[in-house]
């Protein structure tokens, strides 16, 4: 079930939501230190992160699924938000440099189709950042936060999904080692939880944070063409008679 935009906005206005936002943004910024002059798209409910990431970009837009609803953004400026239907993105091919997916992939009806659309709109060499609940993490097991909605993923599932959509993962990390508990002590020590979890490579982080780049060429197709060319190469075979007779008949013999 996809969370409503009102529930999402309420979560990010809560103390636990603000901590989650800070930890996730920290993970994104370790890879995307500057997006100066780039075109950025946020899909799902990405506006809590786009406020920080949009600085210096050539343009930044946000797409929100119709079932989720829409929230105005950015405040005090012309709207840069659009409702979209399913995995159909109203953009031309190869127009975005960066795409960030938050509260998106896990609630999609067709994750494979969504990733194919992301591939289509990304420019060659473009990057996508995917924030998705970890199947083994505690955040996916409770429904008191939006990360408990939809389908969580394992690392193997994400790898298969990215390969099928012609993306190459360039960086894997995790976020939200802090438990999804709104107690003051837990929230105040959130950064300590993140540092300890990352340093020990614990497998129970709440979220996967994956950066992947668009593959421009299709290796599988090249391999297929090589096999086809091999099948079409003529092969001489004996057809009876002496070697001298075969040499002088002026005919090439091919297998049937």
C-alpha atoms as a PDB file:
ATOM      1  CA  UNK A   1       0.000   0.000   0.000  1.00  0.00           C
ATOM      2  CA  UNK A   2       1.329   3.395  -0.990  1.00  0.00           C
ATOM      3  CA  UNK A   3       1.420   5.996   1.816  1.00  0.00           C
ATOM      4  CA  UNK A   4      -0.608   9.157   1.307  1.00  0.00           C
ATOM      5  CA  UNK A   5       1.148  12.482   0.822  1.00  0.00           C
ATOM      6  CA  UNK A   6      -0.393  13.746   4.083  1.00  0.00           C
ATOM      7  CA  UNK A   7       1.110  10.833   6.028  1.00  0.00           C
ATOM      8  CA  UNK A   8       4.487  11.396   4.347  1.00  0.00           C
ATOM      9  CA  UNK A   9       4.477  15.085   5.162  1.00  0.00           C
ATOM     10  CA  UNK A  10       3.493  14.373   8.779  1.00  0.00           C
ATOM     11  CA  UNK A  11       6.292  11.825   9.143  1.00  0.00           C
ATOM     12  CA  UNK A  12       8.979  14.236   7.956  1.00  0.00           C
ATOM     13  CA  UNK A  13       7.627  16.902  10.289  1.00  0.00           C
ATOM     14  CA  UNK A  14       8.071  14.558  13.289  1.00  0.00           C
ATOM     15  CA  UNK A  15      11.321  14.201  15.299  1.00  0.00           C
ATOM     16  CA  UNK A  16      11.884  10.678  13.950  1.00  0.00           C
ATOM     17  CA  UNK A  17      11.258  11.850  10.397  1.00  0.00           C
ATOM     18  CA  UNK A  18      13.740  14.708  10.717  1.00  0.00           C
ATOM     19  CA  UNK A  19      16.393  12.293  11.983  1.00  0.00           C
ATOM     20  CA  UNK A  20      15.700   9.892   9.088  1.00  0.00           C
ATOM     21  CA  UNK A  21      15.903  12.758   6.606  1.00  0.00           C
ATOM     22  CA  UNK A  22      19.257  13.891   8.009  1.00  0.00           C
ATOM     23  CA  UNK A  23      20.762  10.400   7.895  1.00  0.00           C
ATOM     24  CA  UNK A  24      19.544   9.679   4.361  1.00  0.00           C
ATOM     25  CA  UNK A  25      20.703  13.047   3.063  1.00  0.00           C
ATOM     26  CA  UNK A  26      24.090  12.379   4.627  1.00  0.00           C
ATOM     27  CA  UNK A  27      24.322   9.102   2.679  1.00  0.00           C
ATOM     28  CA  UNK A  28      23.352  10.817  -0.582  1.00  0.00           C
ATOM     29  CA  UNK A  29      25.827  13.651  -0.070  1.00  0.00           C
ATOM     30  CA  UNK A  30      28.732  11.246   0.340  1.00  0.00           C
ATOM     31  CA  UNK A  31      28.327  10.554  -3.391  1.00  0.00           C
ATOM     32  CA  UNK A  32      26.687  13.671  -4.770  1.00  0.00           C
ATOM     33  CA  UNK A  33      28.737  16.432  -3.224  1.00  0.00           C
ATOM     34  CA  UNK A  34      27.798  18.910  -5.953  1.00  0.00           C
ATOM     35  CA  UNK A  35      25.151  18.896  -8.678  1.00  0.00           C
ATOM     36  CA  UNK A  36      26.211  22.206 -10.174  1.00  0.00           C
ATOM     37  CA  UNK A  37      24.678  22.729 -13.612  1.00  0.00           C
ATOM     38  CA  UNK A  38      22.948  19.331 -13.733  1.00  0.00           C
ATOM     39  CA  UNK A  39      19.290  18.452 -14.328  1.00  0.00           C
ATOM     40  CA  UNK A  40      17.823  16.653 -11.297  1.00  0.00           C
ATOM     41  CA  UNK A  41      14.598  14.669 -10.925  1.00  0.00           C
ATOM     42  CA  UNK A  42      13.090  13.348  -7.717  1.00  0.00           C
ATOM     43  CA  UNK A  43      10.543  10.532  -8.012  1.00  0.00           C
ATOM     44  CA  UNK A  44       8.181   9.388  -5.276  1.00  0.00           C
ATOM     45  CA  UNK A  45       8.258  11.697  -2.274  1.00  0.00           C
ATOM     46  CA  UNK A  46      11.692  13.252  -2.685  1.00  0.00           C
ATOM     47  CA  UNK A  47      10.999  16.889  -1.850  1.00  0.00           C
ATOM     48  CA  UNK A  48      12.481  16.694   1.694  1.00  0.00           C
ATOM     49  CA  UNK A  49      15.803  15.915  -0.031  1.00  0.00           C
ATOM     50  CA  UNK A  50      15.439  18.078  -3.115  1.00  0.00           C
ATOM     51  CA  UNK A  51      15.413  21.229  -0.969  1.00  0.00           C
ATOM     52  CA  UNK A  52      19.079  20.581  -0.212  1.00  0.00           C
ATOM     53  CA  UNK A  53      20.140  18.887  -3.462  1.00  0.00           C
ATOM     54  CA  UNK A  54      18.671  21.492  -5.830  1.00  0.00           C
ATOM     55  CA  UNK A  55      21.215  24.184  -4.982  1.00  0.00           C
ATOM     56  CA  UNK A  56      23.239  24.999  -8.091  1.00  0.00           C
ATOM     57  CA  UNK A  57      21.354  22.622 -10.392  1.00  0.00           C
ATOM     58  CA  UNK A  58      20.375  23.657 -13.900  1.00  0.00           C
ATOM     59  CA  UNK A  59      16.801  22.584 -13.082  1.00  0.00           C
ATOM     60  CA  UNK A  60      15.108  20.391 -10.486  1.00  0.00           C
ATOM     61  CA  UNK A  61      11.682  18.806 -10.794  1.00  0.00           C
ATOM     62  CA  UNK A  62       9.675  16.359  -8.695  1.00  0.00           C
ATOM     63  CA  UNK A  63       7.326  13.619  -9.900  1.00  0.00           C
ATOM     64  CA  UNK A  64       4.772  12.159  -7.486  1.00  0.00           C
ATOM     65  CA  UNK A  65       2.621   9.080  -8.203  1.00  0.00           C
ATOM     66  CA  UNK A  66      -1.069   9.849  -8.656  1.00  0.00           C
ATOM     67  CA  UNK A  67      -2.109   7.360  -5.972  1.00  0.00           C
ATOM     68  CA  UNK A  68       0.118   9.135  -3.454  1.00  0.00           C
ATOM     69  CA  UNK A  69      -1.090  12.668  -4.112  1.00  0.00           C
ATOM     70  CA  UNK A  70       0.890  15.844  -4.541  1.00  0.00           C
ATOM     71  CA  UNK A  71       2.318  18.495  -2.246  1.00  0.00           C
ATOM     72  CA  UNK A  72       3.273  21.997  -3.449  1.00  0.00           C
ATOM     73  CA  UNK A  73       7.004  22.532  -3.948  1.00  0.00           C
ATOM     74  CA  UNK A  74       9.123  24.593  -3.686  1.00  0.00           C
ATOM     75  CA  UNK A  75       7.551  27.047  -1.298  1.00  0.00           C
ATOM     76  CA  UNK A  76       7.205  30.611  -2.448  1.00  0.00           C
ATOM     77  CA  UNK A  77       8.257  29.800  -6.024  1.00  0.00           C
ATOM     78  CA  UNK A  78       6.715  28.525  -9.238  1.00  0.00           C
ATOM     79  CA  UNK A  79       5.645  24.908  -8.884  1.00  0.00           C
ATOM     80  CA  UNK A  80       8.139  22.248  -9.987  1.00  0.00           C
ATOM     81  CA  UNK A  81       5.946  19.259  -9.093  1.00  0.00           C
ATOM     82  CA  UNK A  82       3.873  17.040 -11.366  1.00  0.00           C
ATOM     83  CA  UNK A  83       1.579  14.087 -10.774  1.00  0.00           C
ATOM     84  CA  UNK A  84       2.508  11.071 -12.899  1.00  0.00           C
ATOM     85  CA  UNK A  85       0.642   7.882 -13.644  1.00  0.00           C
ATOM     86  CA  UNK A  86       2.414   4.665 -12.763  1.00  0.00           C
ATOM     87  CA  UNK A  87       5.756   4.319 -14.478  1.00  0.00           C
ATOM     88  CA  UNK A  88       4.980   6.656 -17.397  1.00  0.00           C
ATOM     89  CA  UNK A  89       7.192   9.716 -17.085  1.00  0.00           C
ATOM     90  CA  UNK A  90       6.244  12.739 -19.247  1.00  0.00           C
ATOM     91  CA  UNK A  91       9.788  13.556 -20.370  1.00  0.00           C
ATOM     92  CA  UNK A  92      11.754  13.167 -23.572  1.00  0.00           C
ATOM     93  CA  UNK A  93      14.591  10.683 -23.841  1.00  0.00           C
ATOM     94  CA  UNK A  94      17.965  11.487 -22.242  1.00  0.00           C
ATOM     95  CA  UNK A  95      17.027  14.806 -20.606  1.00  0.00           C
ATOM     96  CA  UNK A  96      18.004  14.270 -16.940  1.00  0.00           C
ATOM     97  CA  UNK A  97      21.485  13.964 -15.449  1.00  0.00           C
ATOM     98  CA  UNK A  98      20.532  12.721 -11.987  1.00  0.00           C
ATOM     99  CA  UNK A  99      17.466  10.936 -10.600  1.00  0.00           C
ATOM    100  CA  UNK A 100      16.758  10.164  -6.948  1.00  0.00           C
ATOM    101  CA  UNK A 101      14.077   7.625  -5.969  1.00  0.00           C
ATOM    102  CA  UNK A 102      12.621   7.909  -2.457  1.00  0.00           C
ATOM    103  CA  UNK A 103       9.349   6.250  -1.381  1.00  0.00           C
ATOM    104  CA  UNK A 104       9.138   5.151  -4.974  1.00  0.00           C
ATOM    105  CA  UNK A 105      10.495   1.751  -5.985  1.00  0.00           C
ATOM    106  CA  UNK A 106       9.087  -0.235  -3.055  1.00  0.00           C
ATOM    107  CA  UNK A 107       5.505   0.978  -3.706  1.00  0.00           C
ATOM    108  CA  UNK A 108       5.630   0.737  -7.504  1.00  0.00           C
ATOM    109  CA  UNK A 109       3.232  -1.692  -9.204  1.00  0.00           C
ATOM    110  CA  UNK A 110       5.961  -2.552 -11.711  1.00  0.00           C
ATOM    111  CA  UNK A 111       9.496  -1.780 -10.464  1.00  0.00           C
ATOM    112  CA  UNK A 112      11.056  -3.145 -13.657  1.00  0.00           C
ATOM    113  CA  UNK A 113       8.979  -0.829 -15.869  1.00  0.00           C
ATOM    114  CA  UNK A 114       9.786   2.124 -13.617  1.00  0.00           C
ATOM    115  CA  UNK A 115      13.522   1.480 -13.855  1.00  0.00           C
ATOM    116  CA  UNK A 116      13.234   1.156 -17.636  1.00  0.00           C
ATOM    117  CA  UNK A 117      11.609   4.603 -17.734  1.00  0.00           C
ATOM    118  CA  UNK A 118      14.372   6.018 -15.550  1.00  0.00           C
ATOM    119  CA  UNK A 119      16.905   4.548 -17.995  1.00  0.00           C
ATOM    120  CA  UNK A 120      15.077   6.191 -20.904  1.00  0.00           C
ATOM    121  CA  UNK A 121      15.034   9.717 -19.488  1.00  0.00           C
ATOM    122  CA  UNK A 122      18.600   9.627 -18.158  1.00  0.00           C
ATOM    123  CA  UNK A 123      21.323  11.123 -20.321  1.00  0.00           C
ATOM    124  CA  UNK A 124      24.240   8.868 -21.297  1.00  0.00           C
ATOM    125  CA  UNK A 125      26.455   8.580 -18.240  1.00  0.00           C
ATOM    126  CA  UNK A 126      23.608   9.747 -15.995  1.00  0.00           C
ATOM    127  CA  UNK A 127      23.223   8.428 -12.450  1.00  0.00           C
ATOM    128  CA  UNK A 128      20.295   7.275 -10.347  1.00  0.00           C
ATOM    129  CA  UNK A 129      20.249   7.158  -6.537  1.00  0.00           C
ATOM    130  CA  UNK A 130      17.845   4.597  -5.084  1.00  0.00           C
ATOM    131  CA  UNK A 131      16.727   4.738  -1.451  1.00  0.00           C
ATOM    132  CA  UNK A 132      14.717   1.613  -0.670  1.00  0.00           C
ATOM    133  CA  UNK A 133      13.863  -0.348   2.508  1.00  0.00           C
ATOM    134  CA  UNK A 134      16.192  -3.207   3.411  1.00  0.00           C
ATOM    135  CA  UNK A 135      14.384  -6.512   3.637  1.00  0.00           C
ATOM    136  CA  UNK A 136      16.430  -7.470   6.705  1.00  0.00           C
ATOM    137  CA  UNK A 137      16.141  -4.132   8.482  1.00  0.00           C
ATOM    138  CA  UNK A 138      13.753  -3.150  11.294  1.00  0.00           C
ATOM    139  CA  UNK A 139      12.338  -0.140   9.419  1.00  0.00           C
ATOM    140  CA  UNK A 140      10.661  -2.453   6.892  1.00  0.00           C
ATOM    141  CA  UNK A 141       9.026  -4.480   9.687  1.00  0.00           C
ATOM    142  CA  UNK A 142       7.012  -1.695  11.322  1.00  0.00           C
ATOM    143  CA  UNK A 143       4.216   0.261   9.691  1.00  0.00           C
ATOM    144  CA  UNK A 144       4.563   3.352  11.863  1.00  0.00           C
ATOM    145  CA  UNK A 145       6.831   4.952   9.247  1.00  0.00           C
ATOM    146  CA  UNK A 146       6.459   5.209   5.430  1.00  0.00           C
ATOM    147  CA  UNK A 147       9.432   2.854   5.019  1.00  0.00           C
ATOM    148  CA  UNK A 148       7.248   0.029   6.301  1.00  0.00           C
ATOM    149  CA  UNK A 149       4.951   0.303   3.270  1.00  0.00           C
ATOM    150  CA  UNK A 150       5.352  -1.616   0.048  1.00  0.00           C
ATOM    151  CA  UNK A 151       7.923  -4.260  -0.831  1.00  0.00           C
ATOM    152  CA  UNK A 152      11.364  -4.185   0.811  1.00  0.00           C
ATOM    153  CA  UNK A 153      14.326  -5.457  -1.178  1.00  0.00           C
ATOM    154  CA  UNK A 154      17.378  -7.577  -0.610  1.00  0.00           C
ATOM    155  CA  UNK A 155      20.692  -6.708  -2.206  1.00  0.00           C
ATOM    156  CA  UNK A 156      20.394  -9.647  -4.599  1.00  0.00           C
ATOM    157  CA  UNK A 157      16.942  -8.527  -5.739  1.00  0.00           C
ATOM    158  CA  UNK A 158      18.176  -5.005  -6.384  1.00  0.00           C
ATOM    159  CA  UNK A 159      21.168  -6.277  -8.345  1.00  0.00           C
ATOM    160  CA  UNK A 160      18.911  -8.341 -10.603  1.00  0.00           C
ATOM    161  CA  UNK A 161      16.510  -5.427 -11.074  1.00  0.00           C
ATOM    162  CA  UNK A 162      19.291  -3.013 -12.026  1.00  0.00           C
ATOM    163  CA  UNK A 163      20.892  -5.435 -14.461  1.00  0.00           C
ATOM    164  CA  UNK A 164      17.576  -6.127 -16.149  1.00  0.00           C
ATOM    165  CA  UNK A 165      17.055  -2.374 -16.628  1.00  0.00           C
ATOM    166  CA  UNK A 166      20.620  -1.925 -17.992  1.00  0.00           C
ATOM    167  CA  UNK A 167      22.093  -0.110 -14.991  1.00  0.00           C
ATOM    168  CA  UNK A 168      25.526  -0.725 -13.511  1.00  0.00           C
ATOM    169  CA  UNK A 169      25.762  -0.249  -9.708  1.00  0.00           C
ATOM    170  CA  UNK A 170      28.665   2.044  -8.844  1.00  0.00           C
ATOM    171  CA  UNK A 171      28.238   2.344  -5.079  1.00  0.00           C
ATOM    172  CA  UNK A 172      26.397   0.453  -2.343  1.00  0.00           C
ATOM    173  CA  UNK A 173      25.779   1.814   1.121  1.00  0.00           C
ATOM    174  CA  UNK A 174      23.213   1.694   3.916  1.00  0.00           C
ATOM    175  CA  UNK A 175      21.429   4.174   6.136  1.00  0.00           C
ATOM    176  CA  UNK A 176      19.210   4.177   9.223  1.00  0.00           C
ATOM    177  CA  UNK A 177      20.980   1.845  11.591  1.00  0.00           C
ATOM    178  CA  UNK A 178      19.137   3.757  14.314  1.00  0.00           C
ATOM    179  CA  UNK A 179      15.969   1.883  15.427  1.00  0.00           C
ATOM    180  CA  UNK A 180      12.604   3.366  14.333  1.00  0.00           C
ATOM    181  CA  UNK A 181      11.804   4.463  17.874  1.00  0.00           C
ATOM    182  CA  UNK A 182      10.748   8.006  18.759  1.00  0.00           C
ATOM    183  CA  UNK A 183      12.467   8.138  22.144  1.00  0.00           C
ATOM    184  CA  UNK A 184      14.639  11.110  22.942  1.00  0.00           C
ATOM    185  CA  UNK A 185      17.733   9.069  23.827  1.00  0.00           C
ATOM    186  CA  UNK A 186      17.525   7.087  20.564  1.00  0.00           C
ATOM    187  CA  UNK A 187      17.092  10.213  18.460  1.00  0.00           C
ATOM    188  CA  UNK A 188      19.907  12.061  20.202  1.00  0.00           C
ATOM    189  CA  UNK A 189      22.325   9.196  19.582  1.00  0.00           C
ATOM    190  CA  UNK A 190      21.284   8.609  15.954  1.00  0.00           C
ATOM    191  CA  UNK A 191      24.648   9.664  14.523  1.00  0.00           C
ATOM    192  CA  UNK A 192      26.433   7.217  16.814  1.00  0.00           C
ATOM    193  CA  UNK A 193      24.201   4.396  15.600  1.00  0.00           C
ATOM    194  CA  UNK A 194      25.036   5.306  11.989  1.00  0.00           C
ATOM    195  CA  UNK A 195      28.784   5.428  12.547  1.00  0.00           C
ATOM    196  CA  UNK A 196      28.936   2.172  14.474  1.00  0.00           C
ATOM    197  CA  UNK A 197      26.697   0.349  11.985  1.00  0.00           C
ATOM    198  CA  UNK A 198      28.691   1.567   8.977  1.00  0.00           C
ATOM    199  CA  UNK A 199      32.080   0.826  10.528  1.00  0.00           C
ATOM    200  CA  UNK A 200      31.073  -2.742  11.451  1.00  0.00           C
ATOM    201  CA  UNK A 201      29.207  -3.346   8.159  1.00  0.00           C
ATOM    202  CA  UNK A 202      26.173  -4.589  10.057  1.00  0.00           C
ATOM    203  CA  UNK A 203      23.529  -6.215   7.797  1.00  0.00           C
ATOM    204  CA  UNK A 204      20.511  -4.747   9.564  1.00  0.00           C
ATOM    205  CA  UNK A 205      20.398  -1.178   8.271  1.00  0.00           C
ATOM    206  CA  UNK A 206      16.949   0.189   7.567  1.00  0.00           C
ATOM    207  CA  UNK A 207      17.646   1.268   4.010  1.00  0.00           C
ATOM    208  CA  UNK A 208      19.745   0.449   0.976  1.00  0.00           C
ATOM    209  CA  UNK A 209      21.292   3.478  -0.720  1.00  0.00           C
ATOM    210  CA  UNK A 210      22.474   2.513  -4.204  1.00  0.00           C
ATOM    211  CA  UNK A 211      24.017   4.640  -6.906  1.00  0.00           C
ATOM    212  CA  UNK A 212      23.920   3.248 -10.440  1.00  0.00           C
ATOM    213  CA  UNK A 213      24.856   4.534 -13.865  1.00  0.00           C
ATOM    214  CA  UNK A 214      23.106   4.074 -17.178  1.00  0.00           C
ATOM    215  CA  UNK A 215      24.564   1.521 -19.583  1.00  0.00           C
ATOM    216  CA  UNK A 216      24.532   2.968 -23.082  1.00  0.00           C
ATOM    217  CA  UNK A 217      25.337  -0.280 -24.885  1.00  0.00           C
ATOM    218  CA  UNK A 218      23.728  -3.689 -24.596  1.00  0.00           C
ATOM    219  CA  UNK A 219      26.407  -6.362 -24.057  1.00  0.00           C
ATOM    220  CA  UNK A 220      23.887  -9.177 -24.386  1.00  0.00           C
ATOM    221  CA  UNK A 221      22.948  -8.011 -27.876  1.00  0.00           C
ATOM    222  CA  UNK A 222      26.591  -7.892 -28.961  1.00  0.00           C
ATOM    223  CA  UNK A 223      27.075 -11.454 -27.783  1.00  0.00           C
ATOM    224  CA  UNK A 224      23.976 -12.567 -29.619  1.00  0.00           C
ATOM    225  CA  UNK A 225      25.191 -10.979 -32.868  1.00  0.00           C
ATOM    226  CA  UNK A 226      28.548 -12.730 -32.503  1.00  0.00           C
ATOM    227  CA  UNK A 227      26.786 -16.061 -32.153  1.00  0.00           C
ATOM    228  CA  UNK A 228      24.617 -15.335 -35.196  1.00  0.00           C
ATOM    229  CA  UNK A 229      27.643 -14.427 -37.315  1.00  0.00           C
ATOM    230  CA  UNK A 230      29.282 -17.706 -36.290  1.00  0.00           C
ATOM    231  CA  UNK A 231      26.258 -19.651 -37.472  1.00  0.00           C
ATOM    232  CA  UNK A 232      26.280 -17.973 -40.877  1.00  0.00           C
ATOM    233  CA  UNK A 233      29.922 -18.666 -41.719  1.00  0.00           C
ATOM    234  CA  UNK A 234      30.222 -21.161 -44.659  1.00  0.00           C
ATOM    235  CA  UNK A 235      31.959 -24.445 -43.950  1.00  0.00           C
ATOM    236  CA  UNK A 236      33.454 -26.706 -46.665  1.00  0.00           C
ATOM    237  CA  UNK A 237      32.498 -30.358 -46.323  1.00  0.00           C
ATOM    238  CA  UNK A 238      33.436 -33.441 -48.405  1.00  0.00           C
ATOM    239  CA  UNK A 239      30.891 -34.371 -51.049  1.00  0.00           C
ATOM    240  CA  UNK A 240      32.441 -37.532 -52.483  1.00  0.00           C
ATOM    241  CA  UNK A 241      34.949 -38.145 -55.330  1.00  0.00           C
ATOM    242  CA  UNK A 242      38.668 -37.451 -55.323  1.00  0.00           C
ATOM    243  CA  UNK A 243      40.312 -34.385 -53.888  1.00  0.00           C
ATOM    244  CA  UNK A 244      41.478 -33.376 -57.350  1.00  0.00           C
ATOM    245  CA  UNK A 245      37.961 -33.641 -58.687  1.00  0.00           C
ATOM    246  CA  UNK A 246      36.541 -31.494 -55.902  1.00  0.00           C
ATOM    247  CA  UNK A 247      39.241 -28.899 -56.456  1.00  0.00           C
ATOM    248  CA  UNK A 248      38.462 -28.536 -60.094  1.00  0.00           C
ATOM    249  CA  UNK A 249      34.652 -28.540 -60.124  1.00  0.00           C
ATOM    250  CA  UNK A 250      34.477 -24.803 -59.214  1.00  0.00           C
ATOM    251  CA  UNK A 251      31.764 -25.400 -56.674  1.00  0.00           C
ATOM    252  CA  UNK A 252      31.724 -24.711 -52.919  1.00  0.00           C
ATOM    253  CA  UNK A 253      29.945 -27.195 -50.740  1.00  0.00           C
ATOM    254  CA  UNK A 254      27.930 -25.997 -47.723  1.00  0.00           C
ATOM    255  CA  UNK A 255      26.102 -27.960 -45.067  1.00  0.00           C
ATOM    256  CA  UNK A 256      22.379 -28.165 -45.490  1.00  0.00           C
END
